[in-house]
Amino acid sequence: MNYRHYSILLGILAAILIVCGTLLKNTYEYFPSIGWIGGLVSLLLAAYFAAKAKKEEA
């Protein structure tokens, strides 16, 4: 798998974390925060791997 696949998978994971955190807010009061923080970290990693893939292509 190259870096482009990592960025796609991490972007999908970020969306899943944010949605699940929001949906589970009645279960545990800190789930939205955990979901948003996890989503942010995943999006930052996705941007890193996307930049690395673009740099590798050039």
PDB file of N, CA and C in Angstrom:
ATOM      1  N   MET A   1       0.841  -1.190   0.000  1.00  0.00           N
ATOM      2  CA  MET A   1       0.000   0.000   0.000  1.00  0.00           C
ATOM      3  C   MET A   1       0.882   1.248   0.000  1.00  0.00           C
ATOM      4  N   ASN A   2       0.523   2.175  -0.850  1.00  0.00           N
ATOM      5  CA  ASN A   2       1.310   3.398  -0.854  1.00  0.00           C
ATOM      6  C   ASN A   2       0.665   4.450   0.058  1.00  0.00           C
ATOM      7  N   TYR A   3       1.289   5.604   0.101  1.00  0.00           N
ATOM      8  CA  TYR A   3       0.844   6.642   1.033  1.00  0.00           C
ATOM      9  C   TYR A   3      -0.535   7.192   0.692  1.00  0.00           C
ATOM     10  N   ARG A   4      -0.914   7.150  -0.576  1.00  0.00           N
ATOM     11  CA  ARG A   4      -2.232   7.654  -0.975  1.00  0.00           C
ATOM     12  C   ARG A   4      -3.339   6.815  -0.331  1.00  0.00           C
ATOM     13  N   HIS A   5      -3.149   5.504  -0.257  1.00  0.00           N
ATOM     14  CA  HIS A   5      -4.140   4.641   0.384  1.00  0.00           C
ATOM     15  C   HIS A   5      -4.252   4.946   1.877  1.00  0.00           C
ATOM     16  N   TYR A   6      -3.125   5.229   2.511  1.00  0.00           N
ATOM     17  CA  TYR A   6      -3.161   5.585   3.932  1.00  0.00           C
ATOM     18  C   TYR A   6      -3.984   6.844   4.158  1.00  0.00           C
ATOM     19  N   SER A   7      -3.801   7.833   3.294  1.00  0.00           N
ATOM     20  CA  SER A   7      -4.536   9.084   3.481  1.00  0.00           C
ATOM     21  C   SER A   7      -6.042   8.880   3.281  1.00  0.00           C
ATOM     22  N   ILE A   8      -6.418   8.036   2.333  1.00  0.00           N
ATOM     23  CA  ILE A   8      -7.843   7.760   2.107  1.00  0.00           C
ATOM     24  C   ILE A   8      -8.442   7.033   3.309  1.00  0.00           C
ATOM     25  N   LEU A   9      -7.746   6.008   3.783  1.00  0.00           N
ATOM     26  CA  LEU A   9      -8.253   5.248   4.936  1.00  0.00           C
ATOM     27  C   LEU A   9      -8.338   6.104   6.195  1.00  0.00           C
ATOM     28  N   LEU A  10      -7.361   6.959   6.409  1.00  0.00           N
ATOM     29  CA  LEU A  10      -7.398   7.826   7.586  1.00  0.00           C
ATOM     30  C   LEU A  10      -8.497   8.882   7.481  1.00  0.00           C
ATOM     31  N   GLY A  11      -8.776   9.357   6.280  1.00  0.00           N
ATOM     32  CA  GLY A  11      -9.893  10.292   6.095  1.00  0.00           C
ATOM     33  C   GLY A  11     -11.230   9.646   6.408  1.00  0.00           C
ATOM     34  N   ILE A  12     -11.399   8.398   5.968  1.00  0.00           N
ATOM     35  CA  ILE A  12     -12.626   7.667   6.283  1.00  0.00           C
ATOM     36  C   ILE A  12     -12.722   7.403   7.779  1.00  0.00           C
ATOM     37  N   LEU A  13     -11.605   7.019   8.387  1.00  0.00           N
ATOM     38  CA  LEU A  13     -11.584   6.779   9.833  1.00  0.00           C
ATOM     39  C   LEU A  13     -11.945   8.043  10.608  1.00  0.00           C
ATOM     40  N   ALA A  14     -11.469   9.185  10.157  1.00  0.00           N
ATOM     41  CA  ALA A  14     -11.789  10.453  10.818  1.00  0.00           C
ATOM     42  C   ALA A  14     -13.284  10.712  10.797  1.00  0.00           C
ATOM     43  N   ALA A  15     -13.903  10.507   9.647  1.00  0.00           N
ATOM     44  CA  ALA A  15     -15.353  10.719   9.539  1.00  0.00           C
ATOM     45  C   ALA A  15     -16.112   9.756  10.448  1.00  0.00           C
ATOM     46  N   ILE A  16     -15.678   8.498  10.491  1.00  0.00           N
ATOM     47  CA  ILE A  16     -16.340   7.510  11.347  1.00  0.00           C
ATOM     48  C   ILE A  16     -16.203   7.883  12.820  1.00  0.00           C
ATOM     49  N   LEU A  17     -15.018   8.318  13.228  1.00  0.00           N
ATOM     50  CA  LEU A  17     -14.815   8.702  14.628  1.00  0.00           C
ATOM     51  C   LEU A  17     -15.701   9.882  15.019  1.00  0.00           C
ATOM     52  N   ILE A  18     -15.795  10.880  14.157  1.00  0.00           N
ATOM     53  CA  ILE A  18     -16.600  12.059  14.471  1.00  0.00           C
ATOM     54  C   ILE A  18     -18.079  11.690  14.565  1.00  0.00           C
ATOM     55  N   VAL A  19     -18.557  10.901  13.611  1.00  0.00           N
ATOM     56  CA  VAL A  19     -19.974  10.508  13.616  1.00  0.00           C
ATOM     57  C   VAL A  19     -20.294   9.633  14.821  1.00  0.00           C
ATOM     58  N   CYS A  20     -19.445   8.644  15.095  1.00  0.00           N
ATOM     59  CA  CYS A  20     -19.695   7.754  16.240  1.00  0.00           C
ATOM     60  C   CYS A  20     -19.635   8.514  17.562  1.00  0.00           C
ATOM     61  N   GLY A  21     -18.702   9.438  17.681  1.00  0.00           N
ATOM     62  CA  GLY A  21     -18.622  10.236  18.898  1.00  0.00           C
ATOM     63  C   GLY A  21     -19.872  11.066  19.117  1.00  0.00           C
ATOM     64  N   THR A  22     -20.407  11.607  18.039  1.00  0.00           N
ATOM     65  CA  THR A  22     -21.623  12.408  18.142  1.00  0.00           C
ATOM     66  C   THR A  22     -22.838  11.537  18.458  1.00  0.00           C
ATOM     67  N   LEU A  23     -22.904  10.378  17.836  1.00  0.00           N
ATOM     68  CA  LEU A  23     -24.053   9.497  18.068  1.00  0.00           C
ATOM     69  C   LEU A  23     -24.064   8.902  19.478  1.00  0.00           C
ATOM     70  N   LEU A  24     -22.904   8.733  20.076  1.00  0.00           N
ATOM     71  CA  LEU A  24     -22.821   8.093  21.384  1.00  0.00           C
ATOM     72  C   LEU A  24     -22.755   9.094  22.547  1.00  0.00           C
ATOM     73  N   LYS A  25     -23.162  10.346  22.294  1.00  0.00           N
ATOM     74  CA  LYS A  25     -23.052  11.357  23.347  1.00  0.00           C
ATOM     75  C   LYS A  25     -23.963  11.077  24.548  1.00  0.00           C
ATOM     76  N   ASN A  26     -25.039  10.337  24.344  1.00  0.00           N
ATOM     77  CA  ASN A  26     -25.921  10.010  25.471  1.00  0.00           C
ATOM     78  C   ASN A  26     -25.400   8.831  26.285  1.00  0.00           C
ATOM     79  N   THR A  27     -24.479   8.061  25.730  1.00  0.00           N
ATOM     80  CA  THR A  27     -23.921   6.911  26.424  1.00  0.00           C
ATOM     81  C   THR A  27     -22.872   7.346  27.445  1.00  0.00           C
ATOM     82  N   TYR A  28     -21.981   8.202  27.003  1.00  0.00           N
ATOM     83  CA  TYR A  28     -20.888   8.675  27.855  1.00  0.00           C
ATOM     84  C   TYR A  28     -20.641  10.117  27.480  1.00  0.00           C
ATOM     85  N   GLU A  29     -20.603  11.007  28.436  1.00  0.00           N
ATOM     86  CA  GLU A  29     -20.604  12.426  28.115  1.00  0.00           C
ATOM     87  C   GLU A  29     -19.347  12.915  27.400  1.00  0.00           C
ATOM     88  N   TYR A  30     -18.258  12.151  27.442  1.00  0.00           N
ATOM     89  CA  TYR A  30     -17.010  12.579  26.803  1.00  0.00           C
ATOM     90  C   TYR A  30     -16.799  11.964  25.420  1.00  0.00           C
ATOM     91  N   PHE A  31     -17.734  11.146  24.929  1.00  0.00           N
ATOM     92  CA  PHE A  31     -17.583  10.543  23.606  1.00  0.00           C
ATOM     93  C   PHE A  31     -17.472  11.584  22.484  1.00  0.00           C
ATOM     94  N   PRO A  32     -18.231  12.676  22.486  1.00  0.00           N
ATOM     95  CA  PRO A  32     -18.042  13.658  21.403  1.00  0.00           C
ATOM     96  C   PRO A  32     -16.630  14.246  21.378  1.00  0.00           C
ATOM     97  N   SER A  33     -16.077  14.534  22.544  1.00  0.00           N
ATOM     98  CA  SER A  33     -14.712  15.070  22.597  1.00  0.00           C
ATOM     99  C   SER A  33     -13.702  14.046  22.104  1.00  0.00           C
ATOM    100  N   ILE A  34     -13.879  12.799  22.523  1.00  0.00           N
ATOM    101  CA  ILE A  34     -12.979  11.737  22.088  1.00  0.00           C
ATOM    102  C   ILE A  34     -13.087  11.557  20.571  1.00  0.00           C
ATOM    103  N   GLY A  35     -14.297  11.588  20.041  1.00  0.00           N
ATOM    104  CA  GLY A  35     -14.502  11.442  18.603  1.00  0.00           C
ATOM    105  C   GLY A  35     -13.881  12.574  17.803  1.00  0.00           C
ATOM    106  N   TRP A  36     -14.065  13.804  18.261  1.00  0.00           N
ATOM    107  CA  TRP A  36     -13.504  14.949  17.536  1.00  0.00           C
ATOM    108  C   TRP A  36     -11.990  14.982  17.620  1.00  0.00           C
ATOM    109  N   ILE A  37     -11.433  14.652  18.775  1.00  0.00           N
ATOM    110  CA  ILE A  37      -9.973  14.624  18.896  1.00  0.00           C
ATOM    111  C   ILE A  37      -9.384  13.509  18.034  1.00  0.00           C
ATOM    112  N   GLY A  38     -10.015  12.335  18.080  1.00  0.00           N
ATOM    113  CA  GLY A  38      -9.558  11.238  17.227  1.00  0.00           C
ATOM    114  C   GLY A  38      -9.684  11.574  15.754  1.00  0.00           C
ATOM    115  N   GLY A  39     -10.772  12.232  15.383  1.00  0.00           N
ATOM    116  CA  GLY A  39     -10.963  12.657  14.001  1.00  0.00           C
ATOM    117  C   GLY A  39      -9.932  13.679  13.560  1.00  0.00           C
ATOM    118  N   LEU A  40      -9.612  14.614  14.438  1.00  0.00           N
ATOM    119  CA  LEU A  40      -8.608  15.623  14.118  1.00  0.00           C
ATOM    120  C   LEU A  40      -7.238  14.989  13.917  1.00  0.00           C
ATOM    121  N   VAL A  41      -6.869  14.079  14.801  1.00  0.00           N
ATOM    122  CA  VAL A  41      -5.583  13.389  14.670  1.00  0.00           C
ATOM    123  C   VAL A  41      -5.545  12.585  13.366  1.00  0.00           C
ATOM    124  N   SER A  42      -6.636  11.918  13.050  1.00  0.00           N
ATOM    125  CA  SER A  42      -6.693  11.142  11.805  1.00  0.00           C
ATOM    126  C   SER A  42      -6.590  12.041  10.581  1.00  0.00           C
ATOM    127  N   LEU A  43      -7.257  13.190  10.612  1.00  0.00           N
ATOM    128  CA  LEU A  43      -7.174  14.108   9.480  1.00  0.00           C
ATOM    129  C   LEU A  43      -5.776  14.700   9.333  1.00  0.00           C
ATOM    130  N   LEU A  44      -5.118  14.983  10.442  1.00  0.00           N
ATOM    131  CA  LEU A  44      -3.745  15.482  10.361  1.00  0.00           C
ATOM    132  C   LEU A  44      -2.806  14.432   9.788  1.00  0.00           C
ATOM    133  N   LEU A  45      -2.977  13.182  10.207  1.00  0.00           N
ATOM    134  CA  LEU A  45      -2.166  12.104   9.650  1.00  0.00           C
ATOM    135  C   LEU A  45      -2.477  11.893   8.169  1.00  0.00           C
ATOM    136  N   ALA A  46      -3.742  12.018   7.780  1.00  0.00           N
ATOM    137  CA  ALA A  46      -4.125  11.879   6.376  1.00  0.00           C
ATOM    138  C   ALA A  46      -3.470  12.975   5.536  1.00  0.00           C
ATOM    139  N   ALA A  47      -3.441  14.200   6.045  1.00  0.00           N
ATOM    140  CA  ALA A  47      -2.793  15.295   5.323  1.00  0.00           C
ATOM    141  C   ALA A  47      -1.294  15.056   5.204  1.00  0.00           C
ATOM    142  N   TYR A  48      -0.687  14.526   6.243  1.00  0.00           N
ATOM    143  CA  TYR A  48       0.743  14.213   6.213  1.00  0.00           C
ATOM    144  C   TYR A  48       1.044  13.166   5.145  1.00  0.00           C
ATOM    145  N   PHE A  49       0.260  12.082   5.116  1.00  0.00           N
ATOM    146  CA  PHE A  49       0.503  11.032   4.133  1.00  0.00           C
ATOM    147  C   PHE A  49       0.172  11.501   2.717  1.00  0.00           C
ATOM    148  N   ALA A  50      -0.815  12.359   2.562  1.00  0.00           N
ATOM    149  CA  ALA A  50      -1.127  12.914   1.240  1.00  0.00           C
ATOM    150  C   ALA A  50       0.020  13.778   0.726  1.00  0.00           C
ATOM    151  N   ALA A  51       0.594  14.592   1.603  1.00  0.00           N
ATOM    152  CA  ALA A  51       1.735  15.415   1.207  1.00  0.00           C
ATOM    153  C   ALA A  51       2.942  14.538   0.872  1.00  0.00           C
ATOM    154  N   LYS A  52       3.118  13.488   1.639  1.00  0.00           N
ATOM    155  CA  LYS A  52       4.228  12.585   1.385  1.00  0.00           C
ATOM    156  C   LYS A  52       4.043  11.852   0.058  1.00  0.00           C
ATOM    157  N   ALA A  53       2.804  11.473  -0.264  1.00  0.00           N
ATOM    158  CA  ALA A  53       2.519  10.804  -1.539  1.00  0.00           C
ATOM    159  C   ALA A  53       2.758  11.754  -2.713  1.00  0.00           C
ATOM    160  N   LYS A  54       2.362  13.013  -2.544  1.00  0.00           N
ATOM    161  CA  LYS A  54       2.560  13.995  -3.614  1.00  0.00           C
ATOM    162  C   LYS A  54       4.041  14.258  -3.824  1.00  0.00           C
ATOM    163  N   LYS A  55       4.777  14.310  -2.737  1.00  0.00           N
ATOM    164  CA  LYS A  55       6.219  14.541  -2.823  1.00  0.00           C
ATOM    165  C   LYS A  55       6.906  13.344  -3.488  1.00  0.00           C
ATOM    166  N   GLU A  56       6.404  12.151  -3.215  1.00  0.00           N
ATOM    167  CA  GLU A  56       6.981  10.937  -3.791  1.00  0.00           C
ATOM    168  C   GLU A  56       6.734  10.856  -5.297  1.00  0.00           C
ATOM    169  N   GLU A  57       5.578  11.369  -5.751  1.00  0.00           N
ATOM    170  CA  GLU A  57       5.259  11.364  -7.181  1.00  0.00           C
ATOM    171  C   GLU A  57       6.148  12.311  -7.961  1.00  0.00           C
ATOM    172  N   ALA A  58       6.506  13.419  -7.356  1.00  0.00           N
ATOM    173  CA  ALA A  58       7.295  14.441  -8.066  1.00  0.00           C
ATOM    174  C   ALA A  58       8.757  14.075  -8.204  1.00  0.00           C
TER     175      ALA A  58
END
